[in-house]
Amino acid sequence: MNPTNQEIHIPATKVLASVSDIDLNFIHDLDNNEPYVASLQQTNQVKEPIEFDFSSSDLNPEQRQKMQTFLSSYRDIFATNLSELGFTNRYKHRIETFRDARPVKMGFYNQSPHMHKETKKDEEKTFGRDEEKQHYQRKSTSEYHSPVILVKKKTAPGQPQQVNRFCVDFRKLNLSDPPLKTKSSSDPT
């Protein structure tokens, strides 16, 4: 269909669309309140429902309810803590670097005894105790290493205490890998 009054010539080899099969099991009716389970690996752990906050959205109350129902039906894909995260061994991550770049292996940053204690406390709070960490953490054998640092987040008005977050210092690694391509262009930016 041509919505303009102009003639358009399309080369015979031009691909206009691609067609693929759709698995009907993945089509979900937004008006249906029945939960849909898409997980291949079932656990005995029942996940608590999540109340999503739509207060700053432009959705009207009916749309908010539909969105809440829709997202709740896919509860198994949301993690509220690290114990709910899954893992895969189907993908091997590879860091793309320039040909002559050497692996970036930085040492740990020195911390004051107070910050070291805070880091350990936050690590346990974020990642759990050692026995809990074993299911999703393992010792790295990578030739790359960037230090992890604990950064104090700005406190919002009314927030009672300072909150810390873990950050990885990738500045040196970013100097040795090619720039990412943007959506708007196929050239590196």
N, C-alpha and C. Protein backbone atom coordinates (compact mmCIF):
# COMPACT_ATOMS: atom_id res chain seq x y z
N MET A 1 0.84 -1.17 0.00
CA MET A 1 0.00 0.00 0.00
C MET A 1 0.89 1.24 0.00
N ASN A 2 0.60 2.15 -0.88
CA ASN A 2 1.35 3.39 -0.97
C ASN A 2 0.45 4.52 -0.48
N PRO A 3 0.75 5.12 0.67
CA PRO A 3 -0.12 6.18 1.21
C PRO A 3 0.10 7.54 0.55
N THR A 4 1.07 7.64 -0.38
CA THR A 4 1.34 8.92 -1.04
C THR A 4 0.76 8.91 -2.45
N ASN A 5 0.76 10.07 -3.08
CA ASN A 5 0.31 10.18 -4.47
C ASN A 5 1.47 10.03 -5.45
N GLN A 6 2.66 9.76 -4.94
CA GLN A 6 3.84 9.64 -5.79
C GLN A 6 4.09 8.18 -6.14
N GLU A 7 4.66 8.01 -7.31
CA GLU A 7 5.01 6.67 -7.75
C GLU A 7 6.30 6.24 -7.05
N ILE A 8 6.33 5.01 -6.56
CA ILE A 8 7.51 4.49 -5.87
C ILE A 8 7.98 3.24 -6.60
N HIS A 9 9.27 3.20 -6.89
CA HIS A 9 9.86 2.03 -7.56
C HIS A 9 10.64 1.23 -6.52
N ILE A 10 10.33 -0.05 -6.43
CA ILE A 10 11.01 -0.93 -5.48
C ILE A 10 11.78 -1.97 -6.28
N PRO A 11 13.09 -2.06 -6.07
CA PRO A 11 13.88 -3.06 -6.80
C PRO A 11 13.38 -4.48 -6.48
N ALA A 12 13.53 -5.36 -7.45
CA ALA A 12 13.03 -6.73 -7.31
C ALA A 12 13.69 -7.46 -6.15
N THR A 13 14.93 -7.12 -5.82
CA THR A 13 15.64 -7.84 -4.76
C THR A 13 15.49 -7.19 -3.38
N LYS A 14 14.74 -6.11 -3.31
CA LYS A 14 14.57 -5.38 -2.04
C LYS A 14 13.69 -6.19 -1.09
N VAL A 15 14.18 -6.41 0.13
CA VAL A 15 13.40 -7.11 1.16
C VAL A 15 12.52 -6.08 1.85
N LEU A 16 11.22 -6.28 1.80
CA LEU A 16 10.28 -5.35 2.41
C LEU A 16 9.85 -5.78 3.81
N ALA A 17 9.87 -7.07 4.05
CA ALA A 17 9.45 -7.57 5.36
C ALA A 17 9.99 -8.98 5.53
N SER A 18 9.97 -9.43 6.76
CA SER A 18 10.32 -10.83 7.02
C SER A 18 9.18 -11.44 7.83
N VAL A 19 8.94 -12.69 7.59
CA VAL A 19 7.84 -13.39 8.25
C VAL A 19 8.42 -14.53 9.06
N SER A 20 7.90 -14.71 10.25
CA SER A 20 8.35 -15.83 11.08
C SER A 20 7.16 -16.39 11.84
N ASP A 21 7.30 -17.64 12.24
CA ASP A 21 6.24 -18.28 13.01
C ASP A 21 6.17 -17.66 14.40
N ILE A 22 4.98 -17.62 14.93
CA ILE A 22 4.76 -17.12 16.29
C ILE A 22 4.26 -18.28 17.13
N ASP A 23 4.89 -18.46 18.28
CA ASP A 23 4.42 -19.48 19.21
C ASP A 23 3.21 -18.90 19.94
N LEU A 24 2.06 -19.49 19.73
CA LEU A 24 0.82 -18.98 20.32
C LEU A 24 0.86 -19.00 21.84
N ASN A 25 1.74 -19.79 22.42
CA ASN A 25 1.85 -19.83 23.88
C ASN A 25 2.38 -18.52 24.45
N PHE A 26 3.04 -17.71 23.62
CA PHE A 26 3.61 -16.46 24.10
C PHE A 26 2.70 -15.26 23.85
N ILE A 27 1.52 -15.48 23.32
CA ILE A 27 0.55 -14.40 23.14
C ILE A 27 -0.30 -14.35 24.39
N HIS A 28 -0.41 -13.17 24.96
CA HIS A 28 -1.09 -13.02 26.24
C HIS A 28 -2.20 -11.99 26.13
N ASP A 29 -3.38 -12.34 26.56
CA ASP A 29 -4.53 -11.44 26.56
C ASP A 29 -4.43 -10.52 27.77
N LEU A 30 -4.40 -9.20 27.54
CA LEU A 30 -4.26 -8.26 28.65
C LEU A 30 -5.47 -8.24 29.57
N ASP A 31 -6.63 -8.67 29.08
CA ASP A 31 -7.81 -8.69 29.93
C ASP A 31 -7.91 -9.99 30.74
N ASN A 32 -7.04 -10.93 30.47
CA ASN A 32 -7.06 -12.21 31.17
C ASN A 32 -6.25 -12.09 32.45
N ASN A 33 -6.82 -12.45 33.60
CA ASN A 33 -6.14 -12.32 34.88
C ASN A 33 -5.36 -13.57 35.28
N GLU A 34 -5.38 -14.62 34.45
CA GLU A 34 -4.67 -15.84 34.80
C GLU A 34 -3.18 -15.63 34.61
N PRO A 35 -2.36 -16.04 35.60
CA PRO A 35 -0.91 -15.87 35.45
C PRO A 35 -0.35 -16.81 34.39
N TYR A 36 0.66 -16.33 33.69
CA TYR A 36 1.32 -17.12 32.66
C TYR A 36 2.71 -17.47 33.16
N VAL A 37 3.09 -18.72 33.11
CA VAL A 37 4.40 -19.15 33.57
C VAL A 37 5.25 -19.51 32.36
N ALA A 38 6.32 -18.74 32.14
CA ALA A 38 7.17 -18.95 30.97
C ALA A 38 8.51 -19.59 31.33
N SER A 39 8.74 -19.84 32.59
CA SER A 39 10.02 -20.36 33.04
C SER A 39 10.19 -21.83 32.68
N LEU A 40 11.38 -22.19 32.23
CA LEU A 40 11.66 -23.58 31.93
C LEU A 40 12.06 -24.34 33.19
N GLN A 41 12.63 -23.63 34.13
CA GLN A 41 13.09 -24.26 35.36
C GLN A 41 12.18 -23.84 36.49
N GLN A 42 11.39 -24.75 36.98
CA GLN A 42 10.46 -24.45 38.05
C GLN A 42 11.13 -24.68 39.40
N THR A 43 10.81 -23.85 40.36
CA THR A 43 11.32 -24.04 41.71
C THR A 43 10.15 -24.16 42.65
N ASN A 44 10.42 -24.63 43.84
CA ASN A 44 9.37 -24.75 44.85
C ASN A 44 9.13 -23.42 45.54
N GLN A 45 10.01 -22.47 45.31
CA GLN A 45 9.90 -21.18 45.96
C GLN A 45 8.77 -20.36 45.34
N VAL A 46 7.83 -19.92 46.17
CA VAL A 46 6.73 -19.08 45.69
C VAL A 46 7.18 -17.63 45.83
N LYS A 47 7.12 -16.90 44.74
CA LYS A 47 7.56 -15.51 44.76
C LYS A 47 6.42 -14.62 45.22
N GLU A 48 6.78 -13.65 46.03
CA GLU A 48 5.80 -12.69 46.52
C GLU A 48 5.35 -11.80 45.36
N PRO A 49 4.06 -11.43 45.34
CA PRO A 49 3.62 -10.52 44.28
C PRO A 49 4.31 -9.16 44.40
N ILE A 50 4.46 -8.50 43.28
CA ILE A 50 5.09 -7.17 43.25
C ILE A 50 4.03 -6.14 42.92
N GLU A 51 4.00 -5.07 43.67
CA GLU A 51 3.15 -3.93 43.34
C GLU A 51 4.02 -2.92 42.61
N PHE A 52 3.77 -2.72 41.34
CA PHE A 52 4.54 -1.79 40.55
C PHE A 52 4.02 -0.38 40.77
N ASP A 53 4.93 0.59 40.80
CA ASP A 53 4.57 1.98 41.05
C ASP A 53 4.38 2.71 39.72
N PHE A 54 3.15 3.06 39.43
CA PHE A 54 2.83 3.78 38.20
C PHE A 54 2.45 5.24 38.50
N SER A 55 2.78 5.72 39.69
CA SER A 55 2.34 7.05 40.09
C SER A 55 2.88 8.16 39.19
N SER A 56 4.06 7.97 38.62
CA SER A 56 4.62 9.02 37.76
C SER A 56 4.38 8.74 36.28
N SER A 57 3.52 7.77 35.98
CA SER A 57 3.25 7.45 34.57
C SER A 57 2.06 8.26 34.06
N ASP A 58 1.89 8.26 32.75
CA ASP A 58 0.76 8.94 32.12
C ASP A 58 -0.43 8.02 31.93
N LEU A 59 -0.38 6.84 32.51
CA LEU A 59 -1.47 5.88 32.34
C LEU A 59 -2.69 6.28 33.17
N ASN A 60 -3.87 6.03 32.61
CA ASN A 60 -5.09 6.27 33.39
C ASN A 60 -5.31 5.06 34.30
N PRO A 61 -6.22 5.13 35.27
CA PRO A 61 -6.40 4.02 36.22
C PRO A 61 -6.69 2.67 35.56
N GLU A 62 -7.47 2.66 34.49
CA GLU A 62 -7.77 1.40 33.81
C GLU A 62 -6.51 0.82 33.17
N GLN A 63 -5.71 1.69 32.54
CA GLN A 63 -4.47 1.25 31.92
C GLN A 63 -3.47 0.76 32.98
N ARG A 64 -3.44 1.45 34.11
CA ARG A 64 -2.54 1.03 35.20
C ARG A 64 -2.91 -0.37 35.69
N GLN A 65 -4.22 -0.62 35.83
CA GLN A 65 -4.67 -1.93 36.28
C GLN A 65 -4.30 -3.01 35.27
N LYS A 66 -4.50 -2.71 33.98
CA LYS A 66 -4.14 -3.69 32.95
C LYS A 66 -2.63 -3.96 32.96
N MET A 67 -1.85 -2.90 33.12
CA MET A 67 -0.39 -3.06 33.15
C MET A 67 0.03 -3.85 34.38
N GLN A 68 -0.57 -3.58 35.53
CA GLN A 68 -0.27 -4.32 36.76
C GLN A 68 -0.60 -5.80 36.57
N THR A 69 -1.75 -6.09 35.98
CA THR A 69 -2.16 -7.47 35.73
C THR A 69 -1.19 -8.15 34.77
N PHE A 70 -0.83 -7.44 33.72
CA PHE A 70 0.09 -7.99 32.72
C PHE A 70 1.45 -8.30 33.34
N LEU A 71 2.03 -7.32 34.06
CA LEU A 71 3.35 -7.53 34.66
C LEU A 71 3.31 -8.60 35.74
N SER A 72 2.22 -8.64 36.51
CA SER A 72 2.10 -9.65 37.56
C SER A 72 2.01 -11.05 36.98
N SER A 73 1.42 -11.17 35.80
CA SER A 73 1.31 -12.49 35.18
C SER A 73 2.69 -13.01 34.75
N TYR A 74 3.66 -12.11 34.62
CA TYR A 74 5.03 -12.50 34.28
C TYR A 74 5.95 -12.31 35.49
N ARG A 75 5.45 -12.53 36.67
CA ARG A 75 6.20 -12.32 37.90
C ARG A 75 7.53 -13.07 37.90
N ASP A 76 7.56 -14.23 37.25
CA ASP A 76 8.77 -15.06 37.28
C ASP A 76 9.96 -14.43 36.56
N ILE A 77 9.77 -13.37 35.78
CA ILE A 77 10.91 -12.75 35.11
C ILE A 77 11.46 -11.55 35.87
N PHE A 78 10.83 -11.17 36.98
CA PHE A 78 11.31 -10.06 37.80
C PHE A 78 11.99 -10.60 39.05
N ALA A 79 13.09 -9.99 39.43
CA ALA A 79 13.80 -10.39 40.65
C ALA A 79 13.76 -9.23 41.63
N THR A 80 13.32 -9.51 42.85
CA THR A 80 13.32 -8.48 43.88
C THR A 80 14.55 -8.61 44.77
N ASN A 81 15.28 -9.72 44.65
CA ASN A 81 16.54 -9.90 45.36
C ASN A 81 17.41 -10.86 44.54
N LEU A 82 18.67 -10.96 44.92
CA LEU A 82 19.61 -11.76 44.13
C LEU A 82 19.31 -13.25 44.14
N SER A 83 18.63 -13.74 45.17
CA SER A 83 18.33 -15.17 45.21
C SER A 83 17.32 -15.56 44.13
N GLU A 84 16.59 -14.58 43.58
CA GLU A 84 15.62 -14.87 42.52
C GLU A 84 16.23 -14.80 41.12
N LEU A 85 17.49 -14.39 41.03
CA LEU A 85 18.13 -14.30 39.72
C LEU A 85 18.49 -15.67 39.20
N GLY A 86 18.31 -15.86 37.93
CA GLY A 86 18.70 -17.11 37.30
C GLY A 86 20.09 -16.98 36.71
N PHE A 87 20.51 -17.99 35.97
CA PHE A 87 21.80 -17.96 35.31
C PHE A 87 21.74 -18.85 34.07
N THR A 88 22.71 -18.68 33.20
CA THR A 88 22.76 -19.50 32.00
C THR A 88 24.20 -19.88 31.70
N ASN A 89 24.37 -20.99 31.05
CA ASN A 89 25.70 -21.37 30.57
C ASN A 89 25.69 -21.45 29.04
N ARG A 90 24.68 -20.89 28.42
CA ARG A 90 24.54 -20.93 26.96
C ARG A 90 25.29 -19.79 26.27
N TYR A 91 25.79 -18.85 27.02
CA TYR A 91 26.43 -17.69 26.43
C TYR A 91 27.81 -17.51 27.05
N LYS A 92 28.81 -17.33 26.20
CA LYS A 92 30.16 -17.03 26.66
C LYS A 92 30.44 -15.57 26.33
N HIS A 93 30.72 -14.78 27.35
CA HIS A 93 30.98 -13.36 27.15
C HIS A 93 32.41 -13.15 26.67
N ARG A 94 32.56 -12.26 25.71
CA ARG A 94 33.87 -11.94 25.18
C ARG A 94 33.98 -10.43 25.08
N ILE A 95 35.07 -9.87 25.59
CA ILE A 95 35.29 -8.43 25.53
C ILE A 95 36.02 -8.11 24.23
N GLU A 96 35.39 -7.31 23.38
CA GLU A 96 36.00 -6.90 22.10
C GLU A 96 36.97 -5.75 22.38
N THR A 97 38.23 -5.93 21.98
CA THR A 97 39.22 -4.87 22.17
C THR A 97 39.96 -4.63 20.85
N PHE A 98 40.76 -3.57 20.83
CA PHE A 98 41.61 -3.33 19.67
C PHE A 98 42.63 -4.46 19.58
N ARG A 99 43.10 -4.76 18.37
CA ARG A 99 44.01 -5.90 18.17
C ARG A 99 45.26 -5.84 19.03
N ASP A 100 45.84 -4.66 19.17
CA ASP A 100 47.10 -4.56 19.91
C ASP A 100 46.90 -4.27 21.40
N ALA A 101 45.67 -4.27 21.86
CA ALA A 101 45.40 -3.95 23.27
C ALA A 101 45.75 -5.13 24.16
N ARG A 102 46.35 -4.81 25.29
CA ARG A 102 46.65 -5.83 26.29
C ARG A 102 45.48 -5.91 27.26
N PRO A 103 45.29 -7.07 27.88
CA PRO A 103 44.21 -7.18 28.87
C PRO A 103 44.41 -6.18 30.01
N VAL A 104 43.31 -5.61 30.47
CA VAL A 104 43.35 -4.65 31.56
C VAL A 104 43.19 -5.42 32.86
N LYS A 105 44.23 -5.38 33.68
CA LYS A 105 44.18 -6.07 34.96
C LYS A 105 44.65 -5.09 36.02
N MET A 106 43.69 -4.43 36.64
CA MET A 106 44.00 -3.42 37.65
C MET A 106 43.92 -4.05 39.04
N GLY A 107 44.71 -3.52 39.94
CA GLY A 107 44.69 -3.99 41.32
C GLY A 107 43.52 -3.39 42.08
N PHE A 108 43.34 -3.87 43.29
CA PHE A 108 42.28 -3.33 44.14
C PHE A 108 42.68 -1.96 44.64
N TYR A 109 41.70 -1.11 44.90
CA TYR A 109 41.98 0.18 45.50
C TYR A 109 42.13 0.02 47.00
N ASN A 110 43.03 0.80 47.59
CA ASN A 110 43.18 0.78 49.05
C ASN A 110 41.95 1.41 49.68
N GLN A 111 41.53 0.83 50.80
CA GLN A 111 40.39 1.37 51.53
C GLN A 111 40.78 1.58 52.98
N SER A 112 40.16 2.56 53.58
CA SER A 112 40.36 2.74 55.01
C SER A 112 39.71 1.57 55.73
N PRO A 113 40.12 1.26 56.96
CA PRO A 113 39.48 0.16 57.69
C PRO A 113 37.96 0.35 57.81
N HIS A 114 37.54 1.60 57.99
CA HIS A 114 36.09 1.88 58.09
C HIS A 114 35.38 1.52 56.78
N MET A 115 35.95 1.94 55.63
CA MET A 115 35.32 1.65 54.34
C MET A 115 35.38 0.16 54.02
N HIS A 116 36.47 -0.51 54.44
CA HIS A 116 36.56 -1.96 54.23
C HIS A 116 35.43 -2.67 54.98
N LYS A 117 35.18 -2.23 56.20
CA LYS A 117 34.09 -2.80 57.01
C LYS A 117 32.74 -2.53 56.35
N GLU A 118 32.56 -1.30 55.85
CA GLU A 118 31.31 -0.94 55.15
C GLU A 118 31.14 -1.78 53.88
N THR A 119 32.23 -1.99 53.15
CA THR A 119 32.18 -2.79 51.93
C THR A 119 31.75 -4.21 52.24
N LYS A 120 32.35 -4.82 53.26
CA LYS A 120 31.99 -6.18 53.65
C LYS A 120 30.53 -6.26 54.07
N LYS A 121 30.08 -5.25 54.83
CA LYS A 121 28.68 -5.23 55.29
C LYS A 121 27.73 -5.10 54.10
N ASP A 122 28.05 -4.19 53.18
CA ASP A 122 27.19 -4.00 52.01
C ASP A 122 27.25 -5.20 51.07
N GLU A 123 28.41 -5.83 50.97
CA GLU A 123 28.54 -7.02 50.14
C GLU A 123 27.63 -8.13 50.67
N GLU A 124 27.63 -8.31 51.98
CA GLU A 124 26.77 -9.34 52.58
C GLU A 124 25.30 -9.00 52.40
N LYS A 125 24.97 -7.70 52.56
CA LYS A 125 23.58 -7.28 52.39
C LYS A 125 23.14 -7.44 50.93
N THR A 126 24.01 -7.10 49.99
CA THR A 126 23.66 -7.16 48.58
C THR A 126 23.71 -8.57 48.02
N PHE A 127 24.77 -9.29 48.33
CA PHE A 127 25.00 -10.59 47.70
C PHE A 127 24.71 -11.78 48.61
N GLY A 128 24.44 -11.55 49.87
CA GLY A 128 24.16 -12.66 50.78
C GLY A 128 25.42 -13.22 51.40
N ARG A 129 25.23 -14.19 52.26
CA ARG A 129 26.36 -14.85 52.92
C ARG A 129 27.07 -15.77 51.93
N ASP A 130 28.27 -16.23 52.31
CA ASP A 130 29.09 -17.04 51.40
C ASP A 130 28.35 -18.25 50.86
N GLU A 131 27.62 -18.96 51.72
CA GLU A 131 26.92 -20.16 51.24
C GLU A 131 25.81 -19.82 50.26
N GLU A 132 25.20 -18.63 50.38
CA GLU A 132 24.16 -18.20 49.44
C GLU A 132 24.77 -17.75 48.12
N LYS A 133 25.97 -17.18 48.17
CA LYS A 133 26.62 -16.65 46.97
C LYS A 133 27.07 -17.75 46.02
N GLN A 134 27.28 -18.95 46.53
CA GLN A 134 27.87 -20.01 45.71
C GLN A 134 27.03 -20.35 44.50
N HIS A 135 25.71 -20.14 44.56
CA HIS A 135 24.90 -20.54 43.42
C HIS A 135 24.98 -19.57 42.25
N TYR A 136 25.43 -18.33 42.46
CA TYR A 136 25.52 -17.41 41.32
C TYR A 136 26.86 -16.69 41.22
N GLN A 137 27.81 -17.03 42.06
CA GLN A 137 29.14 -16.44 41.95
C GLN A 137 30.17 -17.56 41.86
N ARG A 138 31.21 -17.30 41.08
CA ARG A 138 32.32 -18.25 41.03
C ARG A 138 33.60 -17.47 40.82
N LYS A 139 34.70 -18.09 41.14
CA LYS A 139 35.99 -17.43 41.00
C LYS A 139 36.27 -17.17 39.52
N SER A 140 36.74 -15.99 39.22
CA SER A 140 37.00 -15.61 37.84
C SER A 140 38.38 -16.10 37.40
N THR A 141 38.45 -16.55 36.16
CA THR A 141 39.74 -16.93 35.57
C THR A 141 40.07 -15.98 34.41
N SER A 142 39.36 -14.87 34.34
CA SER A 142 39.54 -13.91 33.26
C SER A 142 40.89 -13.20 33.38
N GLU A 143 41.44 -12.82 32.23
CA GLU A 143 42.67 -12.04 32.24
C GLU A 143 42.38 -10.55 32.44
N TYR A 144 41.11 -10.21 32.55
CA TYR A 144 40.69 -8.84 32.79
C TYR A 144 40.26 -8.68 34.24
N HIS A 145 40.58 -7.53 34.82
CA HIS A 145 40.12 -7.26 36.18
C HIS A 145 40.02 -5.76 36.37
N SER A 146 38.87 -5.31 36.82
CA SER A 146 38.67 -3.90 37.17
C SER A 146 38.18 -3.87 38.60
N PRO A 147 38.68 -2.93 39.39
CA PRO A 147 38.33 -2.91 40.81
C PRO A 147 36.88 -2.49 41.06
N VAL A 148 36.35 -3.03 42.13
CA VAL A 148 35.01 -2.66 42.59
C VAL A 148 35.19 -1.64 43.70
N ILE A 149 34.40 -0.59 43.66
CA ILE A 149 34.46 0.41 44.71
C ILE A 149 33.07 0.65 45.25
N LEU A 150 33.01 1.07 46.48
CA LEU A 150 31.75 1.39 47.13
C LEU A 150 31.56 2.90 47.06
N VAL A 151 30.46 3.33 46.48
CA VAL A 151 30.19 4.76 46.29
C VAL A 151 28.96 5.14 47.09
N LYS A 152 29.05 6.25 47.80
CA LYS A 152 27.89 6.72 48.56
C LYS A 152 26.94 7.44 47.61
N LYS A 153 25.69 7.00 47.61
CA LYS A 153 24.68 7.66 46.78
C LYS A 153 24.22 8.92 47.49
N LYS A 154 23.77 9.88 46.72
CA LYS A 154 23.21 11.08 47.31
C LYS A 154 21.92 10.71 48.02
N THR A 155 21.71 11.30 49.18
CA THR A 155 20.48 11.00 49.91
C THR A 155 19.38 11.95 49.46
N ALA A 156 18.23 11.38 49.23
CA ALA A 156 17.07 12.19 48.85
C ALA A 156 16.51 12.85 50.10
N PRO A 157 15.82 13.97 49.93
CA PRO A 157 15.20 14.60 51.09
C PRO A 157 14.25 13.62 51.77
N GLY A 158 14.39 13.49 53.07
CA GLY A 158 13.53 12.57 53.82
C GLY A 158 14.11 11.17 53.94
N GLN A 159 15.21 10.89 53.24
CA GLN A 159 15.83 9.58 53.35
C GLN A 159 16.69 9.57 54.61
N PRO A 160 16.47 8.60 55.50
CA PRO A 160 17.10 8.65 56.81
C PRO A 160 18.61 8.46 56.81
N GLN A 161 19.16 7.63 55.95
CA GLN A 161 20.59 7.34 56.05
C GLN A 161 21.25 7.29 54.68
N GLN A 162 22.57 7.37 54.71
CA GLN A 162 23.37 7.29 53.50
C GLN A 162 23.27 5.87 52.93
N VAL A 163 23.12 5.76 51.62
CA VAL A 163 23.03 4.46 50.96
C VAL A 163 24.26 4.29 50.08
N ASN A 164 24.84 3.11 50.11
CA ASN A 164 26.01 2.82 49.29
C ASN A 164 25.62 1.95 48.10
N ARG A 165 26.41 2.02 47.05
CA ARG A 165 26.21 1.11 45.92
C ARG A 165 27.57 0.68 45.39
N PHE A 166 27.62 -0.53 44.85
CA PHE A 166 28.85 -1.05 44.27
C PHE A 166 28.98 -0.54 42.85
N CYS A 167 30.19 -0.10 42.49
CA CYS A 167 30.48 0.34 41.13
C CYS A 167 31.78 -0.32 40.68
N VAL A 168 31.88 -0.59 39.40
CA VAL A 168 33.10 -1.15 38.83
C VAL A 168 33.78 -0.05 38.02
N ASP A 169 35.07 0.13 38.25
CA ASP A 169 35.83 1.17 37.55
C ASP A 169 36.32 0.62 36.21
N PHE A 170 35.56 0.85 35.16
CA PHE A 170 35.89 0.36 33.82
C PHE A 170 36.61 1.40 32.97
N ARG A 171 37.12 2.47 33.57
CA ARG A 171 37.71 3.55 32.77
C ARG A 171 38.88 3.06 31.91
N LYS A 172 39.78 2.27 32.46
CA LYS A 172 40.93 1.79 31.67
C LYS A 172 40.48 0.80 30.60
N LEU A 173 39.52 -0.05 30.92
CA LEU A 173 39.01 -1.00 29.93
C LEU A 173 38.36 -0.25 28.77
N ASN A 174 37.63 0.81 29.08
CA ASN A 174 36.96 1.59 28.04
C ASN A 174 37.95 2.23 27.06
N LEU A 175 39.18 2.47 27.50
CA LEU A 175 40.19 3.03 26.61
C LEU A 175 40.73 2.00 25.63
N SER A 176 40.58 0.70 25.95
CA SER A 176 41.17 -0.34 25.10
C SER A 176 40.15 -1.06 24.23
N ASP A 177 38.88 -0.70 24.35
CA ASP A 177 37.91 -1.38 23.48
C ASP A 177 37.29 -0.38 22.51
N PRO A 178 36.90 -0.87 21.33
CA PRO A 178 36.34 0.03 20.32
C PRO A 178 35.01 0.62 20.79
N PRO A 179 34.70 1.81 20.32
CA PRO A 179 33.41 2.42 20.71
C PRO A 179 32.24 1.57 20.23
N LEU A 180 31.17 1.61 20.98
CA LEU A 180 29.96 0.88 20.60
C LEU A 180 29.27 1.59 19.45
N LYS A 181 28.56 0.84 18.64
CA LYS A 181 27.80 1.44 17.54
C LYS A 181 26.47 1.91 18.08
N THR A 182 25.99 3.01 17.52
CA THR A 182 24.71 3.54 17.94
C THR A 182 23.60 2.97 17.07
N LYS A 183 22.38 3.13 17.53
CA LYS A 183 21.23 2.66 16.75
C LYS A 183 21.07 3.47 15.47
N SER A 184 21.39 4.76 15.54
CA SER A 184 21.14 5.64 14.40
C SER A 184 22.18 5.51 13.29
N SER A 185 23.30 4.86 13.59
CA SER A 185 24.32 4.75 12.55
C SER A 185 25.05 3.44 12.69
N SER A 186 25.57 2.97 11.58
CA SER A 186 26.35 1.74 11.64
C SER A 186 27.83 2.05 11.83
N ASP A 187 28.17 3.35 11.85
CA ASP A 187 29.55 3.75 12.08
C ASP A 187 29.80 3.90 13.57
N PRO A 188 31.03 3.58 14.04
CA PRO A 188 31.34 3.79 15.45
C PRO A 188 31.25 5.27 15.80
N THR A 189 30.81 5.55 17.01
CA THR A 189 30.73 6.95 17.45
C THR A 189 31.62 7.16 18.63
